Amino acid sequence: MFGYDSIAQNKTIKIQKITGQEVQKKMLSTDIYKKYSPAVFKILTDNGQGSGFFITPTLAVSNWHVFEGSSVEDILIKLADGTVLYVDEVIEGSYDSDHVVFRVKNYRSKTLIPIELDINTIQVGQTCYAIGSPLGYENTFSQGLISQTKLLKTKHIIQTNAPFDHG
């Protein structure tokens, strides 16, 4: 998955922090979907499509393979409410870890709730959820388990067995 905690922690924007334990004890899966699915979006490029999500009101994360070969000007972001946004700049990315962090142009939502995970509370075996746009179906929801966590250079990697389809 993605490692973004070092970027989110360096921002002065207040982010709601949740732990894996809080999610499992206090929220039903339907509540998690309703609360966080607005932060997930579909990405359209000249090479195909993918999914991404906001980690702050202006920063988002997706997969490197979604952006690869496309110019920033040709990448469209479609929110669940139909709003179309554009990428302002790529902050960082890695082919090896298949992630890209980018800033969205002229957009700052006051309503969507980005998630900052507390890597110290995530445990192997905990339930996790994936929201995305596989094969063009927007905001699908699937469940899995945390398979492993790992520190890779300076990024925390969270491996899950939650089903992910292409797109």
Foldseek 3Di string as FASTA:
>chain_A
DDFDQVVLVPDPADADEDELVCCVPPHDPVRVLVQAQQQKWKKQAPVGIWIWGDQAQFKIKTFPVRCPPGDQQRMWIATPVGDIWGFDAWPDHDPVVGMTMTTIPPTGDPRHHHYDYDVVRADFFGKDKDFIQAPNNHGDIWIWTFHDWDCDPNGIDTDTPTDDHHD
